[in-house]
Amino acid sequence: MVAVGVNPMSVLSDKIVVRSIEVRSPEITFEGNPFSGNNLTKIRDNVNAATASSQQPATNQTAQAASKPGKKLEVDDFLITGAKVHVSLTGMGGKEMTLPLPDIHLTDMGKGTDGITAADLTRRVFDAITTATVKAVANAATDIGKGAENLGKGAGKTVGEGVNKITSGLGGLFKKSTN
């Protein structure tokens, strides 16, 4: 669900004032690796490239006329709450997990006379989502790694104890047969 609160009089001005945007319970898909490459960082890179190219000055008058500047925005409060990330990590054999994301809260974007463009707002929000998601996935991957390490230690201890029991059993067997 998304709730938006706008100052109605600002719709007629050069800068639209958005008092609040609240996004509740979004679901995000994360595929790849938090440390080397994933779908969200690729999308973020594409968004950043698109916003950078939209801010480049036009080279001729025809292009300048076609790219009339759009309305600017001011977003006072942007909240994403209750987000869940569906994670498919590279190397997990297709297994998935779902992680909760902490609330993402952005404030005072575009304050002042200049405001921000819709492209810049998109970039800022997506950067915040990507950063929070990668951090949550990296923490979960680290926890999984620690769990596997502890499991390996426990398995090694169990195997070692089993080998000791077998060795002493065999030793006892050989002692009995030599008597």
N, C-alpha and C. Protein backbone atom coordinates (compact mmCIF):
# COMPACT_ATOMS: atom_id res chain seq x y z
N MET A 1 0.83 -1.17 0.00
CA MET A 1 0.00 0.00 0.00
C MET A 1 0.88 1.24 0.00
N VAL A 2 0.44 2.25 -0.69
CA VAL A 2 1.15 3.52 -0.74
C VAL A 2 0.18 4.64 -0.38
N ALA A 3 0.62 5.53 0.49
CA ALA A 3 -0.16 6.70 0.87
C ALA A 3 0.67 7.94 0.57
N VAL A 4 0.06 8.91 -0.09
CA VAL A 4 0.77 10.14 -0.47
C VAL A 4 -0.03 11.34 -0.01
N GLY A 5 0.67 12.29 0.61
CA GLY A 5 0.05 13.55 1.02
C GLY A 5 0.72 14.70 0.30
N VAL A 6 -0.05 15.46 -0.48
CA VAL A 6 0.50 16.55 -1.30
C VAL A 6 -0.15 17.87 -0.89
N ASN A 7 0.64 18.94 -0.90
CA ASN A 7 0.09 20.27 -0.72
C ASN A 7 -0.63 20.62 -2.02
N PRO A 8 -1.98 20.67 -2.01
CA PRO A 8 -2.74 20.83 -3.26
C PRO A 8 -2.41 22.11 -4.03
N MET A 9 -2.11 23.19 -3.35
CA MET A 9 -1.82 24.45 -4.05
C MET A 9 -0.49 24.38 -4.80
N SER A 10 0.41 23.51 -4.35
CA SER A 10 1.72 23.43 -4.99
C SER A 10 1.65 22.77 -6.37
N VAL A 11 0.59 22.05 -6.64
CA VAL A 11 0.46 21.37 -7.93
C VAL A 11 0.45 22.38 -9.08
N LEU A 12 0.00 23.59 -8.81
CA LEU A 12 -0.05 24.63 -9.83
C LEU A 12 1.25 25.42 -9.94
N SER A 13 2.19 25.20 -9.02
CA SER A 13 3.44 25.96 -9.03
C SER A 13 4.54 25.17 -9.74
N ASP A 14 5.74 25.75 -9.77
CA ASP A 14 6.88 25.08 -10.41
C ASP A 14 7.46 23.96 -9.55
N LYS A 15 7.13 23.95 -8.26
CA LYS A 15 7.63 22.92 -7.37
C LYS A 15 6.46 22.31 -6.60
N ILE A 16 6.27 21.00 -6.80
CA ILE A 16 5.21 20.28 -6.09
C ILE A 16 5.74 19.87 -4.72
N VAL A 17 5.00 20.22 -3.68
CA VAL A 17 5.39 19.89 -2.31
C VAL A 17 4.62 18.65 -1.86
N VAL A 18 5.38 17.58 -1.66
CA VAL A 18 4.81 16.32 -1.18
C VAL A 18 5.13 16.26 0.31
N ARG A 19 4.10 16.31 1.12
CA ARG A 19 4.29 16.30 2.57
C ARG A 19 4.76 14.93 3.06
N SER A 20 4.16 13.87 2.50
CA SER A 20 4.54 12.53 2.95
C SER A 20 4.25 11.48 1.89
N ILE A 21 5.12 10.48 1.89
CA ILE A 21 4.89 9.27 1.10
C ILE A 21 5.19 8.12 2.05
N GLU A 22 4.24 7.21 2.16
CA GLU A 22 4.44 6.03 2.99
C GLU A 22 4.16 4.79 2.15
N VAL A 23 5.17 3.93 2.08
CA VAL A 23 5.05 2.67 1.36
C VAL A 23 5.06 1.57 2.42
N ARG A 24 3.97 0.80 2.47
CA ARG A 24 3.85 -0.24 3.50
C ARG A 24 3.96 -1.63 2.87
N SER A 25 4.76 -2.45 3.51
CA SER A 25 4.91 -3.87 3.19
C SER A 25 5.31 -4.18 1.74
N PRO A 26 6.31 -3.47 1.20
CA PRO A 26 6.76 -3.84 -0.14
C PRO A 26 7.55 -5.15 -0.08
N GLU A 27 7.56 -5.87 -1.19
CA GLU A 27 8.33 -7.10 -1.28
C GLU A 27 9.39 -6.91 -2.35
N ILE A 28 10.62 -7.19 -1.99
CA ILE A 28 11.77 -6.96 -2.85
C ILE A 28 12.42 -8.31 -3.14
N THR A 29 12.87 -8.51 -4.36
CA THR A 29 13.58 -9.73 -4.72
C THR A 29 15.06 -9.41 -4.87
N PHE A 30 15.89 -10.19 -4.19
CA PHE A 30 17.35 -10.03 -4.25
C PHE A 30 17.93 -11.32 -4.82
N GLU A 31 18.64 -11.20 -5.95
CA GLU A 31 19.26 -12.36 -6.57
C GLU A 31 20.73 -12.06 -6.80
N GLY A 32 21.58 -12.99 -6.38
CA GLY A 32 23.02 -12.81 -6.62
C GLY A 32 23.80 -12.91 -5.34
N ASN A 33 24.75 -12.00 -5.19
CA ASN A 33 25.68 -12.03 -4.07
C ASN A 33 25.79 -10.62 -3.51
N PRO A 34 25.71 -10.44 -2.20
CA PRO A 34 25.78 -9.08 -1.65
C PRO A 34 27.18 -8.47 -1.77
N PHE A 35 28.19 -9.30 -1.99
CA PHE A 35 29.56 -8.81 -2.00
C PHE A 35 30.11 -8.55 -3.40
N SER A 36 29.56 -9.21 -4.42
CA SER A 36 30.17 -9.05 -5.74
C SER A 36 29.22 -8.59 -6.83
N GLY A 37 28.00 -9.03 -6.85
CA GLY A 37 27.08 -8.58 -7.89
C GLY A 37 25.69 -9.13 -7.68
N ASN A 38 24.69 -8.28 -7.89
CA ASN A 38 23.31 -8.71 -7.70
C ASN A 38 22.38 -7.83 -8.52
N ASN A 39 21.12 -8.24 -8.59
CA ASN A 39 20.15 -7.53 -9.40
C ASN A 39 19.91 -6.10 -8.92
N LEU A 40 19.92 -5.85 -7.62
CA LEU A 40 19.63 -4.50 -7.12
C LEU A 40 20.75 -3.51 -7.45
N THR A 41 22.00 -3.93 -7.32
CA THR A 41 23.09 -2.99 -7.64
C THR A 41 23.12 -2.72 -9.14
N LYS A 42 22.74 -3.70 -9.95
CA LYS A 42 22.66 -3.46 -11.41
C LYS A 42 21.56 -2.46 -11.73
N ILE A 43 20.41 -2.62 -11.08
CA ILE A 43 19.31 -1.66 -11.30
C ILE A 43 19.72 -0.28 -10.81
N ARG A 44 20.36 -0.21 -9.63
CA ARG A 44 20.82 1.07 -9.10
C ARG A 44 21.79 1.74 -10.07
N ASP A 45 22.72 0.97 -10.63
CA ASP A 45 23.67 1.52 -11.60
C ASP A 45 22.94 2.08 -12.82
N ASN A 46 21.91 1.37 -13.27
CA ASN A 46 21.11 1.84 -14.41
C ASN A 46 20.35 3.12 -14.06
N VAL A 47 19.79 3.17 -12.87
CA VAL A 47 19.07 4.38 -12.43
C VAL A 47 20.03 5.56 -12.35
N ASN A 48 21.22 5.32 -11.77
CA ASN A 48 22.21 6.40 -11.66
C ASN A 48 22.66 6.87 -13.04
N ALA A 49 22.84 5.96 -13.97
CA ALA A 49 23.24 6.33 -15.33
C ALA A 49 22.13 7.13 -16.01
N ALA A 50 20.89 6.72 -15.81
CA ALA A 50 19.76 7.42 -16.42
C ALA A 50 19.60 8.82 -15.83
N THR A 51 19.76 8.96 -14.51
CA THR A 51 19.61 10.28 -13.91
C THR A 51 20.78 11.18 -14.29
N ALA A 52 21.96 10.61 -14.46
CA ALA A 52 23.12 11.42 -14.87
C ALA A 52 22.92 11.93 -16.30
N SER A 53 22.41 11.07 -17.17
CA SER A 53 22.22 11.50 -18.56
C SER A 53 21.08 12.50 -18.68
N SER A 54 20.08 12.43 -17.79
CA SER A 54 18.98 13.39 -17.85
C SER A 54 19.42 14.76 -17.35
N GLN A 55 20.54 14.82 -16.63
CA GLN A 55 21.02 16.09 -16.11
C GLN A 55 22.11 16.71 -17.00
N GLN A 56 22.50 16.01 -18.08
CA GLN A 56 23.48 16.54 -19.01
C GLN A 56 22.86 17.69 -19.80
N PRO A 57 23.62 18.76 -20.05
CA PRO A 57 23.06 19.85 -20.84
C PRO A 57 22.87 19.42 -22.29
N ALA A 58 21.81 19.91 -22.90
CA ALA A 58 21.54 19.58 -24.30
C ALA A 58 22.57 20.27 -25.19
N THR A 59 22.92 19.63 -26.33
CA THR A 59 23.98 20.16 -27.19
C THR A 59 23.48 21.09 -28.27
N ASN A 60 22.21 21.04 -28.62
CA ASN A 60 21.71 21.98 -29.63
C ASN A 60 20.35 22.52 -29.22
N GLN A 61 19.89 23.53 -29.94
CA GLN A 61 18.65 24.20 -29.54
C GLN A 61 17.43 23.30 -29.69
N THR A 62 17.41 22.41 -30.70
CA THR A 62 16.27 21.51 -30.88
C THR A 62 16.16 20.57 -29.68
N ALA A 63 17.29 20.03 -29.25
CA ALA A 63 17.29 19.12 -28.10
C ALA A 63 16.89 19.89 -26.84
N GLN A 64 17.33 21.15 -26.74
CA GLN A 64 16.98 21.95 -25.56
C GLN A 64 15.49 22.21 -25.52
N ALA A 65 14.89 22.50 -26.66
CA ALA A 65 13.45 22.75 -26.70
C ALA A 65 12.68 21.48 -26.37
N ALA A 66 13.17 20.31 -26.84
CA ALA A 66 12.49 19.05 -26.58
C ALA A 66 12.61 18.63 -25.12
N SER A 67 13.66 19.04 -24.46
CA SER A 67 13.85 18.62 -23.07
C SER A 67 13.52 19.75 -22.10
N LYS A 68 12.33 20.28 -22.24
CA LYS A 68 11.85 21.34 -21.34
C LYS A 68 11.92 20.82 -19.91
N PRO A 69 12.47 21.60 -19.00
CA PRO A 69 12.60 21.13 -17.63
C PRO A 69 11.24 20.82 -17.02
N GLY A 70 11.16 19.69 -16.31
CA GLY A 70 9.92 19.29 -15.66
C GLY A 70 9.77 20.00 -14.33
N LYS A 71 8.67 19.74 -13.69
CA LYS A 71 8.43 20.32 -12.37
C LYS A 71 9.42 19.74 -11.37
N LYS A 72 9.76 20.56 -10.42
CA LYS A 72 10.64 20.13 -9.34
C LYS A 72 9.76 19.61 -8.20
N LEU A 73 10.39 18.86 -7.31
CA LEU A 73 9.68 18.27 -6.19
C LEU A 73 10.34 18.63 -4.87
N GLU A 74 9.54 18.65 -3.85
CA GLU A 74 10.02 18.68 -2.47
C GLU A 74 9.28 17.55 -1.77
N VAL A 75 10.05 16.64 -1.18
CA VAL A 75 9.44 15.53 -0.44
C VAL A 75 9.91 15.64 1.00
N ASP A 76 8.98 16.00 1.88
CA ASP A 76 9.33 16.24 3.27
C ASP A 76 9.58 14.95 4.04
N ASP A 77 8.79 13.92 3.77
CA ASP A 77 8.89 12.69 4.56
C ASP A 77 8.59 11.50 3.65
N PHE A 78 9.55 10.56 3.55
CA PHE A 78 9.38 9.37 2.73
C PHE A 78 9.70 8.17 3.61
N LEU A 79 8.69 7.31 3.84
CA LEU A 79 8.86 6.19 4.75
C LEU A 79 8.50 4.88 4.05
N ILE A 80 9.42 3.92 4.15
CA ILE A 80 9.15 2.56 3.68
C ILE A 80 9.18 1.69 4.93
N THR A 81 8.08 1.01 5.19
CA THR A 81 7.97 0.23 6.41
C THR A 81 7.43 -1.17 6.12
N GLY A 82 7.89 -2.13 6.93
CA GLY A 82 7.40 -3.50 6.79
C GLY A 82 7.89 -4.22 5.55
N ALA A 83 9.02 -3.80 5.00
CA ALA A 83 9.53 -4.41 3.77
C ALA A 83 10.08 -5.80 4.03
N LYS A 84 9.91 -6.68 3.05
CA LYS A 84 10.47 -8.03 3.08
C LYS A 84 11.32 -8.23 1.84
N VAL A 85 12.42 -8.94 2.02
CA VAL A 85 13.31 -9.23 0.90
C VAL A 85 13.33 -10.74 0.68
N HIS A 86 12.99 -11.15 -0.53
CA HIS A 86 13.08 -12.55 -0.92
C HIS A 86 14.46 -12.73 -1.53
N VAL A 87 15.28 -13.55 -0.88
CA VAL A 87 16.69 -13.66 -1.22
C VAL A 87 16.99 -15.01 -1.87
N SER A 88 17.68 -14.95 -2.99
CA SER A 88 18.21 -16.13 -3.64
C SER A 88 19.70 -15.88 -3.85
N LEU A 89 20.51 -16.40 -2.92
CA LEU A 89 21.95 -16.16 -2.97
C LEU A 89 22.63 -17.12 -3.94
N THR A 90 23.61 -16.60 -4.65
CA THR A 90 24.43 -17.43 -5.51
C THR A 90 25.13 -18.47 -4.65
N GLY A 91 25.10 -19.70 -5.07
CA GLY A 91 25.80 -20.75 -4.33
C GLY A 91 24.97 -21.44 -3.27
N MET A 92 23.68 -21.10 -3.17
CA MET A 92 22.83 -21.75 -2.17
C MET A 92 21.99 -22.86 -2.79
N GLY A 93 22.29 -23.22 -4.02
CA GLY A 93 21.57 -24.31 -4.67
C GLY A 93 20.10 -24.03 -4.90
N GLY A 94 19.73 -22.78 -5.18
CA GLY A 94 18.35 -22.43 -5.47
C GLY A 94 17.48 -22.24 -4.25
N LYS A 95 18.05 -22.42 -3.06
CA LYS A 95 17.25 -22.21 -1.84
C LYS A 95 17.05 -20.72 -1.63
N GLU A 96 15.87 -20.39 -1.13
CA GLU A 96 15.55 -18.99 -0.89
C GLU A 96 15.25 -18.77 0.58
N MET A 97 15.39 -17.50 0.99
CA MET A 97 15.01 -17.11 2.34
C MET A 97 14.35 -15.74 2.25
N THR A 98 13.56 -15.41 3.26
CA THR A 98 12.91 -14.11 3.31
C THR A 98 13.40 -13.39 4.56
N LEU A 99 13.82 -12.14 4.36
CA LEU A 99 14.35 -11.34 5.46
C LEU A 99 13.51 -10.07 5.63
N PRO A 100 13.34 -9.63 6.86
CA PRO A 100 12.69 -8.33 7.07
C PRO A 100 13.73 -7.22 6.87
N LEU A 101 13.29 -6.09 6.38
CA LEU A 101 14.16 -4.92 6.27
C LEU A 101 13.77 -3.92 7.36
N PRO A 102 14.76 -3.23 7.91
CA PRO A 102 14.40 -2.16 8.85
C PRO A 102 13.71 -1.03 8.07
N ASP A 103 12.96 -0.22 8.78
CA ASP A 103 12.29 0.91 8.14
C ASP A 103 13.33 1.80 7.46
N ILE A 104 12.95 2.34 6.31
CA ILE A 104 13.79 3.29 5.57
C ILE A 104 13.06 4.62 5.64
N HIS A 105 13.74 5.64 6.17
CA HIS A 105 13.10 6.93 6.39
C HIS A 105 13.97 8.03 5.80
N LEU A 106 13.48 8.69 4.78
CA LEU A 106 14.18 9.80 4.15
C LEU A 106 13.38 11.07 4.41
N THR A 107 14.09 12.16 4.70
CA THR A 107 13.39 13.41 5.00
C THR A 107 14.04 14.59 4.28
N ASP A 108 13.27 15.62 4.13
CA ASP A 108 13.73 16.92 3.63
C ASP A 108 14.45 16.85 2.28
N MET A 109 13.91 16.08 1.37
CA MET A 109 14.49 16.01 0.02
C MET A 109 13.90 17.13 -0.83
N GLY A 110 14.76 17.94 -1.39
CA GLY A 110 14.32 19.02 -2.25
C GLY A 110 13.87 20.27 -1.53
N LYS A 111 14.23 20.41 -0.26
CA LYS A 111 13.90 21.64 0.48
C LYS A 111 14.61 22.81 -0.18
N GLY A 112 14.12 23.98 0.04
CA GLY A 112 14.72 25.17 -0.57
C GLY A 112 14.03 25.50 -1.88
N THR A 113 14.57 26.46 -2.58
CA THR A 113 13.91 26.94 -3.80
C THR A 113 14.12 26.03 -5.00
N ASP A 114 15.24 25.29 -5.03
CA ASP A 114 15.56 24.48 -6.22
C ASP A 114 14.73 23.21 -6.35
N GLY A 115 14.49 22.53 -5.26
CA GLY A 115 13.78 21.26 -5.32
C GLY A 115 14.65 20.18 -5.95
N ILE A 116 14.04 19.04 -6.23
CA ILE A 116 14.74 17.94 -6.91
C ILE A 116 13.87 17.45 -8.05
N THR A 117 14.49 16.76 -8.98
CA THR A 117 13.73 16.20 -10.09
C THR A 117 13.16 14.85 -9.68
N ALA A 118 12.20 14.35 -10.44
CA ALA A 118 11.64 13.03 -10.18
C ALA A 118 12.74 11.97 -10.34
N ALA A 119 13.65 12.17 -11.28
CA ALA A 119 14.76 11.23 -11.48
C ALA A 119 15.67 11.20 -10.26
N ASP A 120 15.95 12.37 -9.69
CA ASP A 120 16.81 12.42 -8.50
C ASP A 120 16.11 11.78 -7.30
N LEU A 121 14.82 11.99 -7.16
CA LEU A 121 14.05 11.35 -6.09
C LEU A 121 14.13 9.83 -6.25
N THR A 122 13.93 9.34 -7.46
CA THR A 122 14.02 7.91 -7.73
C THR A 122 15.39 7.37 -7.34
N ARG A 123 16.43 8.07 -7.72
CA ARG A 123 17.81 7.65 -7.41
C ARG A 123 18.02 7.58 -5.90
N ARG A 124 17.60 8.59 -5.19
CA ARG A 124 17.80 8.63 -3.73
C ARG A 124 17.05 7.49 -3.02
N VAL A 125 15.82 7.27 -3.42
CA VAL A 125 15.02 6.22 -2.79
C VAL A 125 15.60 4.84 -3.13
N PHE A 126 15.96 4.64 -4.39
CA PHE A 126 16.50 3.33 -4.77
C PHE A 126 17.87 3.09 -4.12
N ASP A 127 18.68 4.13 -3.97
CA ASP A 127 19.95 3.98 -3.26
C ASP A 127 19.72 3.52 -1.83
N ALA A 128 18.74 4.11 -1.16
CA ALA A 128 18.44 3.75 0.23
C ALA A 128 17.93 2.31 0.33
N ILE A 129 17.07 1.91 -0.60
CA ILE A 129 16.55 0.54 -0.61
C ILE A 129 17.69 -0.44 -0.86
N THR A 130 18.53 -0.16 -1.84
CA THR A 130 19.63 -1.06 -2.19
C THR A 130 20.60 -1.19 -1.02
N THR A 131 20.96 -0.08 -0.41
CA THR A 131 21.90 -0.11 0.71
C THR A 131 21.35 -0.94 1.87
N ALA A 132 20.09 -0.71 2.24
CA ALA A 132 19.48 -1.46 3.35
C ALA A 132 19.36 -2.95 3.02
N THR A 133 19.00 -3.25 1.78
CA THR A 133 18.84 -4.65 1.37
C THR A 133 20.17 -5.38 1.35
N VAL A 134 21.19 -4.78 0.75
CA VAL A 134 22.50 -5.43 0.68
C VAL A 134 23.05 -5.65 2.08
N LYS A 135 22.85 -4.69 2.97
CA LYS A 135 23.33 -4.84 4.35
C LYS A 135 22.62 -6.01 5.04
N ALA A 136 21.31 -6.10 4.90
CA ALA A 136 20.55 -7.18 5.54
C ALA A 136 20.95 -8.54 4.97
N VAL A 137 21.14 -8.61 3.66
CA VAL A 137 21.52 -9.88 3.02
C VAL A 137 22.94 -10.27 3.43
N ALA A 138 23.85 -9.29 3.46
CA ALA A 138 25.24 -9.58 3.86
C ALA A 138 25.29 -10.09 5.30
N ASN A 139 24.51 -9.48 6.19
CA ASN A 139 24.46 -9.94 7.59
C ASN A 139 23.91 -11.36 7.67
N ALA A 140 22.86 -11.65 6.89
CA ALA A 140 22.28 -13.00 6.90
C ALA A 140 23.28 -14.01 6.32
N ALA A 141 23.99 -13.62 5.25
CA ALA A 141 24.99 -14.52 4.65
C ALA A 141 26.11 -14.80 5.63
N THR A 142 26.53 -13.79 6.37
CA THR A 142 27.57 -13.97 7.38
C THR A 142 27.08 -14.91 8.47
N ASP A 143 25.83 -14.74 8.90
CA ASP A 143 25.25 -15.62 9.92
C ASP A 143 25.17 -17.06 9.41
N ILE A 144 24.80 -17.22 8.14
CA ILE A 144 24.74 -18.56 7.55
C ILE A 144 26.13 -19.18 7.53
N GLY A 145 27.12 -18.38 7.18
CA GLY A 145 28.50 -18.86 7.15
C GLY A 145 28.98 -19.29 8.53
N LYS A 146 28.64 -18.51 9.55
CA LYS A 146 29.02 -18.87 10.93
C LYS A 146 28.32 -20.15 11.35
N GLY A 147 27.06 -20.29 10.97
CA GLY A 147 26.31 -21.51 11.31
C GLY A 147 26.93 -22.73 10.64
N ALA A 148 27.34 -22.58 9.39
CA ALA A 148 27.97 -23.70 8.68
C ALA A 148 29.31 -24.04 9.31
N GLU A 149 30.05 -23.01 9.72
CA GLU A 149 31.35 -23.23 10.36
C GLU A 149 31.16 -23.99 11.67
N ASN A 150 30.17 -23.55 12.46
CA ASN A 150 29.89 -24.24 13.73
C ASN A 150 29.40 -25.66 13.49
N LEU A 151 28.60 -25.85 12.45
CA LEU A 151 28.13 -27.18 12.10
C LEU A 151 29.31 -28.06 11.71
N GLY A 152 30.24 -27.49 10.95
CA GLY A 152 31.44 -28.22 10.56
C GLY A 152 32.27 -28.60 11.76
N LYS A 153 32.42 -27.68 12.71
CA LYS A 153 33.19 -27.98 13.93
C LYS A 153 32.51 -29.10 14.71
N GLY A 154 31.20 -29.01 14.83
CA GLY A 154 30.46 -30.04 15.55
C GLY A 154 30.56 -31.39 14.85
N ALA A 155 30.48 -31.38 13.53
CA ALA A 155 30.59 -32.63 12.77
C ALA A 155 31.99 -33.21 12.93
N GLY A 156 33.00 -32.36 12.91
CA GLY A 156 34.38 -32.82 13.08
C GLY A 156 34.58 -33.45 14.44
N LYS A 157 34.00 -32.85 15.45
CA LYS A 157 34.12 -33.38 16.82
C LYS A 157 33.41 -34.73 16.91
N THR A 158 32.24 -34.82 16.31
CA THR A 158 31.48 -36.07 16.34
C THR A 158 32.22 -37.17 15.59
N VAL A 159 32.77 -36.84 14.42
CA VAL A 159 33.53 -37.82 13.65
C VAL A 159 34.76 -38.25 14.43
N GLY A 160 35.44 -37.30 15.05
CA GLY A 160 36.64 -37.62 15.85
C GLY A 160 36.30 -38.56 17.00
N GLU A 161 35.19 -38.29 17.68
CA GLU A 161 34.77 -39.16 18.79
C GLU A 161 34.43 -40.55 18.27
N GLY A 162 33.78 -40.60 17.11
CA GLY A 162 33.42 -41.89 16.51
C GLY A 162 34.66 -42.69 16.13
N VAL A 163 35.65 -42.01 15.55
CA VAL A 163 36.90 -42.68 15.17
C VAL A 163 37.60 -43.20 16.42
N ASN A 164 37.62 -42.42 17.50
CA ASN A 164 38.24 -42.87 18.75
C ASN A 164 37.54 -44.12 19.28
N LYS A 165 36.22 -44.15 19.22
CA LYS A 165 35.48 -45.31 19.70
C LYS A 165 35.78 -46.53 18.84
N ILE A 166 35.83 -46.34 17.54
CA ILE A 166 36.13 -47.46 16.62
C ILE A 166 37.54 -47.96 16.87
N THR A 167 38.49 -47.05 17.01
CA THR A 167 39.88 -47.43 17.24
C THR A 167 40.02 -48.20 18.53
N SER A 168 39.41 -47.73 19.62
CA SER A 168 39.53 -48.46 20.88
C SER A 168 38.78 -49.78 20.79
N GLY A 169 37.70 -49.83 20.06
CA GLY A 169 36.98 -51.10 19.89
C GLY A 169 37.82 -52.10 19.12
N LEU A 170 38.46 -51.61 18.05
CA LEU A 170 39.34 -52.49 17.27
C LEU A 170 40.53 -52.94 18.11
N GLY A 171 41.07 -52.02 18.90
CA GLY A 171 42.19 -52.36 19.78
C GLY A 171 41.78 -53.45 20.76
N GLY A 172 40.61 -53.32 21.31
CA GLY A 172 40.11 -54.32 22.24
C GLY A 172 39.90 -55.64 21.53
N LEU A 173 39.43 -55.61 20.29
CA LEU A 173 39.22 -56.82 19.51
C LEU A 173 40.53 -57.54 19.26
N PHE A 174 41.54 -56.78 18.90
CA PHE A 174 42.84 -57.39 18.63
C PHE A 174 43.48 -57.93 19.91
N LYS A 175 43.26 -57.27 21.03
CA LYS A 175 43.81 -57.74 22.29
C LYS A 175 43.18 -59.09 22.66
N LYS A 176 41.89 -59.22 22.43
CA LYS A 176 41.18 -60.46 22.76
C LYS A 176 41.66 -61.61 21.87
N SER A 177 41.90 -61.32 20.59
CA SER A 177 42.28 -62.40 19.69
C SER A 177 43.73 -62.85 19.88
N THR A 178 44.59 -61.99 20.44
CA THR A 178 45.98 -62.36 20.67
C THR A 178 46.16 -63.11 21.96
N ASN A 179 45.23 -63.08 22.85
CA ASN A 179 45.36 -63.78 24.14
C ASN A 179 45.12 -65.23 24.00
